[in-house]
Amino acid sequence: MSKILMLKSKIHDAIVTETELDYEGSITIDKELMDSANLFPFELVHVLNKNNGARFETYVIEGKPGGKEICLNGPASRLAQKGDVLMILSYAMVDVDELSNWEPAIIRLDSENNSL
């Protein structure tokens, strides 16, 4: 059976709340936002910075539920600053036969990282 790489999850307009250079590397995301976007700890994500055009890959670390945290850690912290607007995307391999029913989890955030 043939498979295709499809968008699985998207957090649209996430606001960076902090950066932490002295860390192994990753993006920390509020657990409630992770759950809404169907993201899992250590899952690979693509991060797109709307402010400076940076695009990079990293993995997700679960943040405190309800804290609205979006924190870039380690080397990724050099690619954004507090207040930058990000899109966070993950993908999944999907059988072509399942594409007609495929729907990614997409959440849009306001300027306080609350779901709209």
PDB file of N, CA and C in Angstrom:
ATOM      1  N   MET A   1       0.849  -1.171   0.000  1.00  0.00           N
ATOM      2  CA  MET A   1       0.000   0.000   0.000  1.00  0.00           C
ATOM      3  C   MET A   1       0.900   1.241   0.000  1.00  0.00           C
ATOM      4  N   SER A   2       0.516   2.227  -0.743  1.00  0.00           N
ATOM      5  CA  SER A   2       1.292   3.455  -0.864  1.00  0.00           C
ATOM      6  C   SER A   2       0.974   4.422   0.276  1.00  0.00           C
ATOM      7  N   LYS A   3       2.003   5.116   0.723  1.00  0.00           N
ATOM      8  CA  LYS A   3       1.837   6.098   1.803  1.00  0.00           C
ATOM      9  C   LYS A   3       2.343   7.450   1.331  1.00  0.00           C
ATOM     10  N   ILE A   4       1.825   8.487   1.975  1.00  0.00           N
ATOM     11  CA  ILE A   4       2.244   9.849   1.672  1.00  0.00           C
ATOM     12  C   ILE A   4       2.421  10.602   2.989  1.00  0.00           C
ATOM     13  N   LEU A   5       3.397  11.491   3.031  1.00  0.00           N
ATOM     14  CA  LEU A   5       3.639  12.293   4.229  1.00  0.00           C
ATOM     15  C   LEU A   5       2.638  13.440   4.263  1.00  0.00           C
ATOM     16  N   MET A   6       1.863  13.505   5.349  1.00  0.00           N
ATOM     17  CA  MET A   6       0.792  14.496   5.471  1.00  0.00           C
ATOM     18  C   MET A   6       0.959  15.307   6.755  1.00  0.00           C
ATOM     19  N   LEU A   7       0.438  16.529   6.740  1.00  0.00           N
ATOM     20  CA  LEU A   7       0.398  17.344   7.942  1.00  0.00           C
ATOM     21  C   LEU A   7      -0.454  16.633   8.990  1.00  0.00           C
ATOM     22  N   LYS A   8       0.095  16.448  10.202  1.00  0.00           N
ATOM     23  CA  LYS A   8      -0.633  15.806  11.294  1.00  0.00           C
ATOM     24  C   LYS A   8      -1.128  16.835  12.302  1.00  0.00           C
ATOM     25  N   SER A   9      -0.271  17.816  12.605  1.00  0.00           N
ATOM     26  CA  SER A   9      -0.567  18.787  13.651  1.00  0.00           C
ATOM     27  C   SER A   9      -0.014  20.148  13.268  1.00  0.00           C
ATOM     28  N   LYS A  10      -0.731  21.196  13.694  1.00  0.00           N
ATOM     29  CA  LYS A  10      -0.226  22.544  13.473  1.00  0.00           C
ATOM     30  C   LYS A  10      -0.700  23.447  14.600  1.00  0.00           C
ATOM     31  N   ILE A  11       0.262  24.141  15.213  1.00  0.00           N
ATOM     32  CA  ILE A  11      -0.054  25.213  16.147  1.00  0.00           C
ATOM     33  C   ILE A  11       0.271  26.489  15.399  1.00  0.00           C
ATOM     34  N   HIS A  12      -0.754  27.282  15.144  1.00  0.00           N
ATOM     35  CA  HIS A  12      -0.640  28.489  14.316  1.00  0.00           C
ATOM     36  C   HIS A  12      -0.566  29.729  15.205  1.00  0.00           C
ATOM     37  N   ASP A  13       0.428  30.564  14.973  1.00  0.00           N
ATOM     38  CA  ASP A  13       0.619  31.834  15.683  1.00  0.00           C
ATOM     39  C   ASP A  13       0.950  31.663  17.169  1.00  0.00           C
ATOM     40  N   ALA A  14       1.807  30.690  17.472  1.00  0.00           N
ATOM     41  CA  ALA A  14       2.301  30.525  18.837  1.00  0.00           C
ATOM     42  C   ALA A  14       3.291  31.644  19.143  1.00  0.00           C
ATOM     43  N   ILE A  15       3.158  32.259  20.297  1.00  0.00           N
ATOM     44  CA  ILE A  15       4.049  33.344  20.710  1.00  0.00           C
ATOM     45  C   ILE A  15       5.151  32.775  21.605  1.00  0.00           C
ATOM     46  N   VAL A  16       6.403  33.059  21.256  1.00  0.00           N
ATOM     47  CA  VAL A  16       7.530  32.615  22.077  1.00  0.00           C
ATOM     48  C   VAL A  16       7.473  33.344  23.416  1.00  0.00           C
ATOM     49  N   THR A  17       7.432  32.558  24.496  1.00  0.00           N
ATOM     50  CA  THR A  17       7.372  33.152  25.833  1.00  0.00           C
ATOM     51  C   THR A  17       8.755  33.271  26.468  1.00  0.00           C
ATOM     52  N   GLU A  18       9.693  32.446  26.011  1.00  0.00           N
ATOM     53  CA  GLU A  18      11.052  32.528  26.518  1.00  0.00           C
ATOM     54  C   GLU A  18      11.983  31.706  25.640  1.00  0.00           C
ATOM     55  N   THR A  19      13.284  31.935  25.820  1.00  0.00           N
ATOM     56  CA  THR A  19      14.323  31.136  25.181  1.00  0.00           C
ATOM     57  C   THR A  19      15.334  30.755  26.248  1.00  0.00           C
ATOM     58  N   GLU A  20      15.940  29.587  26.093  1.00  0.00           N
ATOM     59  CA  GLU A  20      16.894  29.085  27.077  1.00  0.00           C
ATOM     60  C   GLU A  20      18.071  28.449  26.334  1.00  0.00           C
ATOM     61  N   LEU A  21      19.145  29.204  26.178  1.00  0.00           N
ATOM     62  CA  LEU A  21      20.314  28.715  25.438  1.00  0.00           C
ATOM     63  C   LEU A  21      20.972  27.528  26.118  1.00  0.00           C
ATOM     64  N   ASP A  22      21.141  27.573  27.432  1.00  0.00           N
ATOM     65  CA  ASP A  22      21.862  26.528  28.154  1.00  0.00           C
ATOM     66  C   ASP A  22      20.975  25.319  28.415  1.00  0.00           C
ATOM     67  N   TYR A  23      20.635  24.632  27.334  1.00  0.00           N
ATOM     68  CA  TYR A  23      19.782  23.454  27.396  1.00  0.00           C
ATOM     69  C   TYR A  23      20.173  22.570  26.235  1.00  0.00           C
ATOM     70  N   GLU A  24      19.845  21.287  26.291  1.00  0.00           N
ATOM     71  CA  GLU A  24      20.239  20.345  25.242  1.00  0.00           C
ATOM     72  C   GLU A  24      19.654  20.690  23.876  1.00  0.00           C
ATOM     73  N   GLY A  25      18.485  21.252  23.857  1.00  0.00           N
ATOM     74  CA  GLY A  25      17.848  21.592  22.594  1.00  0.00           C
ATOM     75  C   GLY A  25      16.463  21.004  22.477  1.00  0.00           C
ATOM     76  N   SER A  26      15.508  21.788  22.033  1.00  0.00           N
ATOM     77  CA  SER A  26      14.129  21.338  21.880  1.00  0.00           C
ATOM     78  C   SER A  26      13.211  22.545  21.904  1.00  0.00           C
ATOM     79  N   ILE A  27      11.911  22.277  21.877  1.00  0.00           N
ATOM     80  CA  ILE A  27      10.901  23.311  22.100  1.00  0.00           C
ATOM     81  C   ILE A  27       9.964  22.807  23.190  1.00  0.00           C
ATOM     82  N   THR A  28       9.816  23.593  24.235  1.00  0.00           N
ATOM     83  CA  THR A  28       8.891  23.254  25.314  1.00  0.00           C
ATOM     84  C   THR A  28       7.547  23.888  24.990  1.00  0.00           C
ATOM     85  N   ILE A  29       6.499  23.049  25.035  1.00  0.00           N
ATOM     86  CA  ILE A  29       5.142  23.499  24.697  1.00  0.00           C
ATOM     87  C   ILE A  29       4.204  23.102  25.835  1.00  0.00           C
ATOM     88  N   ASP A  30       3.358  24.030  26.253  1.00  0.00           N
ATOM     89  CA  ASP A  30       2.313  23.784  27.244  1.00  0.00           C
ATOM     90  C   ASP A  30       1.606  22.462  26.924  1.00  0.00           C
ATOM     91  N   LYS A  31       1.477  21.581  27.925  1.00  0.00           N
ATOM     92  CA  LYS A  31       0.849  20.277  27.713  1.00  0.00           C
ATOM     93  C   LYS A  31      -0.563  20.398  27.156  1.00  0.00           C
ATOM     94  N   GLU A  32      -1.330  21.381  27.594  1.00  0.00           N
ATOM     95  CA  GLU A  32      -2.694  21.541  27.074  1.00  0.00           C
ATOM     96  C   GLU A  32      -2.667  21.869  25.582  1.00  0.00           C
ATOM     97  N   LEU A  33      -1.709  22.696  25.157  1.00  0.00           N
ATOM     98  CA  LEU A  33      -1.579  22.997  23.729  1.00  0.00           C
ATOM     99  C   LEU A  33      -1.135  21.762  22.959  1.00  0.00           C
ATOM    100  N   MET A  34      -0.213  21.001  23.547  1.00  0.00           N
ATOM    101  CA  MET A  34       0.219  19.747  22.915  1.00  0.00           C
ATOM    102  C   MET A  34      -0.971  18.817  22.706  1.00  0.00           C
ATOM    103  N   ASP A  35      -1.772  18.645  23.738  1.00  0.00           N
ATOM    104  CA  ASP A  35      -2.932  17.754  23.640  1.00  0.00           C
ATOM    105  C   ASP A  35      -3.901  18.239  22.565  1.00  0.00           C
ATOM    106  N   SER A  36      -4.169  19.526  22.528  1.00  0.00           N
ATOM    107  CA  SER A  36      -5.088  20.085  21.528  1.00  0.00           C
ATOM    108  C   SER A  36      -4.576  19.874  20.109  1.00  0.00           C
ATOM    109  N   ALA A  37      -3.257  19.933  19.951  1.00  0.00           N
ATOM    110  CA  ALA A  37      -2.658  19.793  18.626  1.00  0.00           C
ATOM    111  C   ALA A  37      -2.239  18.357  18.323  1.00  0.00           C
ATOM    112  N   ASN A  38      -2.534  17.424  19.220  1.00  0.00           N
ATOM    113  CA  ASN A  38      -2.178  16.023  19.008  1.00  0.00           C
ATOM    114  C   ASN A  38      -0.669  15.836  18.856  1.00  0.00           C
ATOM    115  N   LEU A  39       0.101  16.524  19.691  1.00  0.00           N
ATOM    116  CA  LEU A  39       1.558  16.385  19.710  1.00  0.00           C
ATOM    117  C   LEU A  39       1.978  15.542  20.907  1.00  0.00           C
ATOM    118  N   PHE A  40       3.104  14.849  20.762  1.00  0.00           N
ATOM    119  CA  PHE A  40       3.594  13.945  21.798  1.00  0.00           C
ATOM    120  C   PHE A  40       4.997  14.345  22.244  1.00  0.00           C
ATOM    121  N   PRO A  41       5.348  14.056  23.509  1.00  0.00           N
ATOM    122  CA  PRO A  41       6.709  14.344  23.955  1.00  0.00           C
ATOM    123  C   PRO A  41       7.731  13.654  23.047  1.00  0.00           C
ATOM    124  N   PHE A  42       8.774  14.383  22.714  1.00  0.00           N
ATOM    125  CA  PHE A  42       9.885  13.925  21.885  1.00  0.00           C
ATOM    126  C   PHE A  42       9.529  13.775  20.405  1.00  0.00           C
ATOM    127  N   GLU A  43       8.333  14.211  20.014  1.00  0.00           N
ATOM    128  CA  GLU A  43       7.950  14.158  18.597  1.00  0.00           C
ATOM    129  C   GLU A  43       8.727  15.209  17.799  1.00  0.00           C
ATOM    130  N   LEU A  44       9.143  14.847  16.609  1.00  0.00           N
ATOM    131  CA  LEU A  44       9.816  15.763  15.698  1.00  0.00           C
ATOM    132  C   LEU A  44       8.829  16.815  15.206  1.00  0.00           C
ATOM    133  N   VAL A  45       9.242  18.072  15.244  1.00  0.00           N
ATOM    134  CA  VAL A  45       8.418  19.155  14.708  1.00  0.00           C
ATOM    135  C   VAL A  45       9.271  20.073  13.843  1.00  0.00           C
ATOM    136  N   HIS A  46       8.613  20.698  12.891  1.00  0.00           N
ATOM    137  CA  HIS A  46       9.203  21.790  12.125  1.00  0.00           C
ATOM    138  C   HIS A  46       8.685  23.080  12.746  1.00  0.00           C
ATOM    139  N   VAL A  47       9.579  24.032  12.921  1.00  0.00           N
ATOM    140  CA  VAL A  47       9.215  25.311  13.511  1.00  0.00           C
ATOM    141  C   VAL A  47       9.521  26.391  12.488  1.00  0.00           C
ATOM    142  N   LEU A  48       8.534  27.254  12.215  1.00  0.00           N
ATOM    143  CA  LEU A  48       8.675  28.343  11.258  1.00  0.00           C
ATOM    144  C   LEU A  48       8.469  29.650  12.007  1.00  0.00           C
ATOM    145  N   ASN A  49       9.457  30.532  11.928  1.00  0.00           N
ATOM    146  CA  ASN A  49       9.394  31.811  12.629  1.00  0.00           C
ATOM    147  C   ASN A  49       8.904  32.871  11.652  1.00  0.00           C
ATOM    148  N   LYS A  50       7.703  33.398  11.905  1.00  0.00           N
ATOM    149  CA  LYS A  50       7.123  34.415  11.023  1.00  0.00           C
ATOM    150  C   LYS A  50       7.863  35.745  11.092  1.00  0.00           C
ATOM    151  N   ASN A  51       8.585  36.002  12.183  1.00  0.00           N
ATOM    152  CA  ASN A  51       9.278  37.282  12.336  1.00  0.00           C
ATOM    153  C   ASN A  51      10.568  37.374  11.533  1.00  0.00           C
ATOM    154  N   ASN A  52      11.312  36.264  11.468  1.00  0.00           N
ATOM    155  CA  ASN A  52      12.606  36.339  10.788  1.00  0.00           C
ATOM    156  C   ASN A  52      12.801  35.321   9.673  1.00  0.00           C
ATOM    157  N   GLY A  53      11.798  34.479   9.421  1.00  0.00           N
ATOM    158  CA  GLY A  53      11.878  33.517   8.331  1.00  0.00           C
ATOM    159  C   GLY A  53      12.636  32.243   8.652  1.00  0.00           C
ATOM    160  N   ALA A  54      13.179  32.107   9.860  1.00  0.00           N
ATOM    161  CA  ALA A  54      13.911  30.896  10.227  1.00  0.00           C
ATOM    162  C   ALA A  54      12.981  29.687  10.182  1.00  0.00           C
ATOM    163  N   ARG A  55      13.525  28.575   9.690  1.00  0.00           N
ATOM    164  CA  ARG A  55      12.803  27.303   9.650  1.00  0.00           C
ATOM    165  C   ARG A  55      13.761  26.250  10.182  1.00  0.00           C
ATOM    166  N   PHE A  56      13.310  25.453  11.155  1.00  0.00           N
ATOM    167  CA  PHE A  56      14.201  24.438  11.712  1.00  0.00           C
ATOM    168  C   PHE A  56      13.399  23.279  12.281  1.00  0.00           C
ATOM    169  N   GLU A  57      14.107  22.180  12.555  1.00  0.00           N
ATOM    170  CA  GLU A  57      13.520  20.998  13.161  1.00  0.00           C
ATOM    171  C   GLU A  57      14.031  20.867  14.580  1.00  0.00           C
ATOM    172  N   THR A  58      13.185  20.354  15.442  1.00  0.00           N
ATOM    173  CA  THR A  58      13.575  20.023  16.809  1.00  0.00           C
ATOM    174  C   THR A  58      12.557  19.016  17.331  1.00  0.00           C
ATOM    175  N   TYR A  59      12.585  18.749  18.619  1.00  0.00           N
ATOM    176  CA  TYR A  59      11.612  17.831  19.199  1.00  0.00           C
ATOM    177  C   TYR A  59      10.886  18.527  20.350  1.00  0.00           C
ATOM    178  N   VAL A  60       9.731  17.984  20.688  1.00  0.00           N
ATOM    179  CA  VAL A  60       8.849  18.591  21.683  1.00  0.00           C
ATOM    180  C   VAL A  60       9.160  18.079  23.085  1.00  0.00           C
ATOM    181  N   ILE A  61       9.172  19.014  24.031  1.00  0.00           N
ATOM    182  CA  ILE A  61       9.211  18.686  25.455  1.00  0.00           C
ATOM    183  C   ILE A  61       7.918  19.221  26.068  1.00  0.00           C
ATOM    184  N   GLU A  62       7.310  18.390  26.905  1.00  0.00           N
ATOM    185  CA  GLU A  62       6.038  18.765  27.536  1.00  0.00           C
ATOM    186  C   GLU A  62       6.251  19.834  28.602  1.00  0.00           C
ATOM    187  N   GLY A  63       5.505  20.936  28.469  1.00  0.00           N
ATOM    188  CA  GLY A  63       5.540  22.003  29.458  1.00  0.00           C
ATOM    189  C   GLY A  63       4.396  21.879  30.448  1.00  0.00           C
ATOM    190  N   LYS A  64       4.405  22.738  31.427  1.00  0.00           N
ATOM    191  CA  LYS A  64       3.378  22.759  32.472  1.00  0.00           C
ATOM    192  C   LYS A  64       2.011  23.034  31.854  1.00  0.00           C
ATOM    193  N   PRO A  65       1.001  22.224  32.190  1.00  0.00           N
ATOM    194  CA  PRO A  65      -0.347  22.463  31.671  1.00  0.00           C
ATOM    195  C   PRO A  65      -0.876  23.831  32.099  1.00  0.00           C
ATOM    196  N   GLY A  66      -1.425  24.567  31.152  1.00  0.00           N
ATOM    197  CA  GLY A  66      -2.038  25.850  31.442  1.00  0.00           C
ATOM    198  C   GLY A  66      -1.086  27.019  31.519  1.00  0.00           C
ATOM    199  N   GLY A  67       0.212  26.763  31.400  1.00  0.00           N
ATOM    200  CA  GLY A  67       1.195  27.832  31.502  1.00  0.00           C
ATOM    201  C   GLY A  67       1.359  28.647  30.228  1.00  0.00           C
ATOM    202  N   LYS A  68       0.820  28.156  29.126  1.00  0.00           N
ATOM    203  CA  LYS A  68       0.880  28.823  27.808  1.00  0.00           C
ATOM    204  C   LYS A  68       2.324  29.015  27.316  1.00  0.00           C
ATOM    205  N   GLU A  69       3.223  28.180  27.818  1.00  0.00           N
ATOM    206  CA  GLU A  69       4.643  28.279  27.502  1.00  0.00           C
ATOM    207  C   GLU A  69       4.972  27.785  26.098  1.00  0.00           C
ATOM    208  N   ILE A  70       5.750  28.572  25.396  1.00  0.00           N
ATOM    209  CA  ILE A  70       6.394  28.184  24.147  1.00  0.00           C
ATOM    210  C   ILE A  70       7.840  28.646  24.317  1.00  0.00           C
ATOM    211  N   CYS A  71       8.736  27.707  24.625  1.00  0.00           N
ATOM    212  CA  CYS A  71      10.120  28.050  24.929  1.00  0.00           C
ATOM    213  C   CYS A  71      11.063  27.322  23.988  1.00  0.00           C
ATOM    214  N   LEU A  72      11.904  28.064  23.304  1.00  0.00           N
ATOM    215  CA  LEU A  72      12.941  27.465  22.469  1.00  0.00           C
ATOM    216  C   LEU A  72      14.180  27.261  23.318  1.00  0.00           C
ATOM    217  N   ASN A  73      14.718  26.044  23.259  1.00  0.00           N
ATOM    218  CA  ASN A  73      15.843  25.648  24.092  1.00  0.00           C
ATOM    219  C   ASN A  73      17.069  25.331  23.247  1.00  0.00           C
ATOM    220  N   GLY A  74      18.235  25.456  23.853  1.00  0.00           N
ATOM    221  CA  GLY A  74      19.483  25.096  23.201  1.00  0.00           C
ATOM    222  C   GLY A  74      19.731  25.916  21.946  1.00  0.00           C
ATOM    223  N   PRO A  75      20.360  25.324  20.933  1.00  0.00           N
ATOM    224  CA  PRO A  75      20.694  26.063  19.720  1.00  0.00           C
ATOM    225  C   PRO A  75      19.494  26.746  19.051  1.00  0.00           C
ATOM    226  N   ALA A  76      18.313  26.146  19.150  1.00  0.00           N
ATOM    227  CA  ALA A  76      17.117  26.751  18.553  1.00  0.00           C
ATOM    228  C   ALA A  76      16.793  28.105  19.168  1.00  0.00           C
ATOM    229  N   SER A  77      17.262  28.335  20.389  1.00  0.00           N
ATOM    230  CA  SER A  77      16.987  29.612  21.045  1.00  0.00           C
ATOM    231  C   SER A  77      17.631  30.782  20.318  1.00  0.00           C
ATOM    232  N   ARG A  78      18.604  30.497  19.465  1.00  0.00           N
ATOM    233  CA  ARG A  78      19.257  31.545  18.674  1.00  0.00           C
ATOM    234  C   ARG A  78      18.423  31.955  17.458  1.00  0.00           C
ATOM    235  N   LEU A  79      17.345  31.202  17.193  1.00  0.00           N
ATOM    236  CA  LEU A  79      16.550  31.426  15.983  1.00  0.00           C
ATOM    237  C   LEU A  79      15.257  32.184  16.246  1.00  0.00           C
ATOM    238  N   ALA A  80      15.060  32.610  17.488  1.00  0.00           N
ATOM    239  CA  ALA A  80      13.857  33.369  17.839  1.00  0.00           C
ATOM    240  C   ALA A  80      14.124  34.155  19.108  1.00  0.00           C
ATOM    241  N   GLN A  81      13.252  35.089  19.371  1.00  0.00           N
ATOM    242  CA  GLN A  81      13.315  35.817  20.627  1.00  0.00           C
ATOM    243  C   GLN A  81      11.910  35.914  21.209  1.00  0.00           C
ATOM    244  N   LYS A  82      11.842  36.237  22.466  1.00  0.00           N
ATOM    245  CA  LYS A  82      10.552  36.375  23.148  1.00  0.00           C
ATOM    246  C   LYS A  82       9.656  37.303  22.341  1.00  0.00           C
ATOM    247  N   GLY A  83       8.419  36.863  22.112  1.00  0.00           N
ATOM    248  CA  GLY A  83       7.452  37.653  21.360  1.00  0.00           C
ATOM    249  C   GLY A  83       7.343  37.269  19.894  1.00  0.00           C
ATOM    250  N   ASP A  84       8.306  36.518  19.369  1.00  0.00           N
ATOM    251  CA  ASP A  84       8.216  36.081  17.973  1.00  0.00           C
ATOM    252  C   ASP A  84       7.011  35.162  17.786  1.00  0.00           C
ATOM    253  N   VAL A  85       6.500  35.148  16.573  1.00  0.00           N
ATOM    254  CA  VAL A  85       5.323  34.351  16.232  1.00  0.00           C
ATOM    255  C   VAL A  85       5.769  33.131  15.439  1.00  0.00           C
ATOM    256  N   LEU A  86       5.368  31.944  15.910  1.00  0.00           N
ATOM    257  CA  LEU A  86       5.791  30.688  15.298  1.00  0.00           C
ATOM    258  C   LEU A  86       4.612  29.891  14.764  1.00  0.00           C
ATOM    259  N   MET A  87       4.921  29.062  13.783  1.00  0.00           N
ATOM    260  CA  MET A  87       4.040  27.973  13.383  1.00  0.00           C
ATOM    261  C   MET A  87       4.811  26.693  13.701  1.00  0.00           C
ATOM    262  N   ILE A  88       4.152  25.761  14.366  1.00  0.00           N
ATOM    263  CA  ILE A  88       4.771  24.506  14.779  1.00  0.00           C
ATOM    264  C   ILE A  88       4.010  23.382  14.095  1.00  0.00           C
ATOM    265  N   LEU A  89       4.726  22.567  13.299  1.00  0.00           N
ATOM    266  CA  LEU A  89       4.078  21.560  12.470  1.00  0.00           C
ATOM    267  C   LEU A  89       4.670  20.180  12.692  1.00  0.00           C
ATOM    268  N   SER A  90       3.831  19.152  12.648  1.00  0.00           N
ATOM    269  CA  SER A  90       4.308  17.771  12.643  1.00  0.00           C
ATOM    270  C   SER A  90       3.601  17.030  11.514  1.00  0.00           C
ATOM    271  N   TYR A  91       4.172  15.892  11.138  1.00  0.00           N
ATOM    272  CA  TYR A  91       3.701  15.153   9.976  1.00  0.00           C
ATOM    273  C   TYR A  91       3.558  13.676  10.316  1.00  0.00           C
ATOM    274  N   ALA A  92       2.789  12.960   9.506  1.00  0.00           N
ATOM    275  CA  ALA A  92       2.610  11.518   9.682  1.00  0.00           C
ATOM    276  C   ALA A  92       2.512  10.860   8.314  1.00  0.00           C
ATOM    277  N   MET A  93       2.979   9.613   8.245  1.00  0.00           N
ATOM    278  CA  MET A  93       2.824   8.818   7.029  1.00  0.00           C
ATOM    279  C   MET A  93       1.409   8.237   7.042  1.00  0.00           C
ATOM    280  N   VAL A  94       0.675   8.470   5.960  1.00  0.00           N
ATOM    281  CA  VAL A  94      -0.726   8.054   5.892  1.00  0.00           C
ATOM    282  C   VAL A  94      -0.925   7.207   4.640  1.00  0.00           C
ATOM    283  N   ASP A  95      -1.662   6.106   4.777  1.00  0.00           N
ATOM    284  CA  ASP A  95      -2.003   5.288   3.613  1.00  0.00           C
ATOM    285  C   ASP A  95      -2.836   6.115   2.647  1.00  0.00           C
ATOM    286  N   VAL A  96      -2.546   6.009   1.381  1.00  0.00           N
ATOM    287  CA  VAL A  96      -3.288   6.753   0.360  1.00  0.00           C
ATOM    288  C   VAL A  96      -4.778   6.471   0.475  1.00  0.00           C
ATOM    289  N   ASP A  97      -5.144   5.254   0.830  1.00  0.00           N
ATOM    290  CA  ASP A  97      -6.559   4.885   0.976  1.00  0.00           C
ATOM    291  C   ASP A  97      -7.250   5.647   2.097  1.00  0.00           C
ATOM    292  N   GLU A  98      -6.500   6.200   3.027  1.00  0.00           N
ATOM    293  CA  GLU A  98      -7.073   6.909   4.165  1.00  0.00           C
ATOM    294  C   GLU A  98      -7.131   8.421   3.963  1.00  0.00           C
ATOM    295  N   LEU A  99      -6.628   8.916   2.858  1.00  0.00           N
ATOM    296  CA  LEU A  99      -6.523  10.363   2.653  1.00  0.00           C
ATOM    297  C   LEU A  99      -7.869  11.078   2.604  1.00  0.00           C
ATOM    298  N   SER A 100      -8.902  10.423   2.118  1.00  0.00           N
ATOM    299  CA  SER A 100     -10.201  11.094   2.013  1.00  0.00           C
ATOM    300  C   SER A 100     -10.782  11.424   3.388  1.00  0.00           C
ATOM    301  N   ASN A 101     -10.323  10.719   4.427  1.00  0.00           N
ATOM    302  CA  ASN A 101     -10.799  10.972   5.791  1.00  0.00           C
ATOM    303  C   ASN A 101      -9.760  11.674   6.664  1.00  0.00           C
ATOM    304  N   TRP A 102      -8.617  12.036   6.087  1.00  0.00           N
ATOM    305  CA  TRP A 102      -7.526  12.609   6.881  1.00  0.00           C
ATOM    306  C   TRP A 102      -7.807  14.058   7.249  1.00  0.00           C
ATOM    307  N   GLU A 103      -7.653  14.374   8.518  1.00  0.00           N
ATOM    308  CA  GLU A 103      -7.775  15.759   8.985  1.00  0.00           C
ATOM    309  C   GLU A 103      -6.701  16.033  10.010  1.00  0.00           C
ATOM    310  N   PRO A 104      -5.834  16.975   9.741  1.00  0.00           N
ATOM    311  CA  PRO A 104      -4.835  17.328  10.752  1.00  0.00           C
ATOM    312  C   PRO A 104      -5.475  18.089  11.908  1.00  0.00           C
ATOM    313  N   ALA A 105      -4.824  18.027  13.054  1.00  0.00           N
ATOM    314  CA  ALA A 105      -5.248  18.835  14.213  1.00  0.00           C
ATOM    315  C   ALA A 105      -4.606  20.205  14.052  1.00  0.00           C
ATOM    316  N   ILE A 106      -5.415  21.225  13.865  1.00  0.00           N
ATOM    317  CA  ILE A 106      -4.905  22.586  13.690  1.00  0.00           C
ATOM    318  C   ILE A 106      -5.514  23.467  14.761  1.00  0.00           C
ATOM    319  N   ILE A 107      -4.644  24.107  15.531  1.00  0.00           N
ATOM    320  CA  ILE A 107      -5.143  25.067  16.517  1.00  0.00           C
ATOM    321  C   ILE A 107      -4.533  26.431  16.227  1.00  0.00           C
ATOM    322  N   ARG A 108      -5.336  27.438  16.412  1.00  0.00           N
ATOM    323  CA  ARG A 108      -4.904  28.822  16.223  1.00  0.00           C
ATOM    324  C   ARG A 108      -4.887  29.485  17.596  1.00  0.00           C
ATOM    325  N   LEU A 109      -3.853  30.292  17.822  1.00  0.00           N
ATOM    326  CA  LEU A 109      -3.680  30.923  19.122  1.00  0.00           C
ATOM    327  C   LEU A 109      -3.806  32.430  19.008  1.00  0.00           C
ATOM    328  N   ASP A 110      -4.212  33.045  20.129  1.00  0.00           N
ATOM    329  CA  ASP A 110      -4.234  34.509  20.200  1.00  0.00           C
ATOM    330  C   ASP A 110      -2.880  34.990  20.730  1.00  0.00           C
ATOM    331  N   SER A 111      -2.766  36.254  21.014  1.00  0.00           N
ATOM    332  CA  SER A 111      -1.491  36.847  21.437  1.00  0.00           C
ATOM    333  C   SER A 111      -1.053  36.421  22.842  1.00  0.00           C
ATOM    334  N   GLU A 112      -1.908  35.674  23.551  1.00  0.00           N
ATOM    335  CA  GLU A 112      -1.586  35.150  24.891  1.00  0.00           C
ATOM    336  C   GLU A 112      -1.425  33.634  24.875  1.00  0.00           C
ATOM    337  N   ASN A 113      -1.351  33.045  23.688  1.00  0.00           N
ATOM    338  CA  ASN A 113      -1.254  31.589  23.485  1.00  0.00           C
ATOM    339  C   ASN A 113      -2.480  30.838  23.979  1.00  0.00           C
ATOM    340  N   ASN A 114      -3.640  31.498  23.891  1.00  0.00           N
ATOM    341  CA  ASN A 114      -4.920  30.829  24.171  1.00  0.00           C
ATOM    342  C   ASN A 114      -5.504  30.366  22.850  1.00  0.00           C
ATOM    343  N   SER A 115      -6.142  29.194  22.846  1.00  0.00           N
ATOM    344  CA  SER A 115      -6.796  28.712  21.634  1.00  0.00           C
ATOM    345  C   SER A 115      -7.954  29.608  21.250  1.00  0.00           C
ATOM    346  N   LEU A 116      -8.076  29.870  19.966  1.00  0.00           N
ATOM    347  CA  LEU A 116      -9.195  30.674  19.466  1.00  0.00           C
ATOM    348  C   LEU A 116     -10.397  29.791  19.186  1.00  0.00           C
TER     349      LEU A 116
END
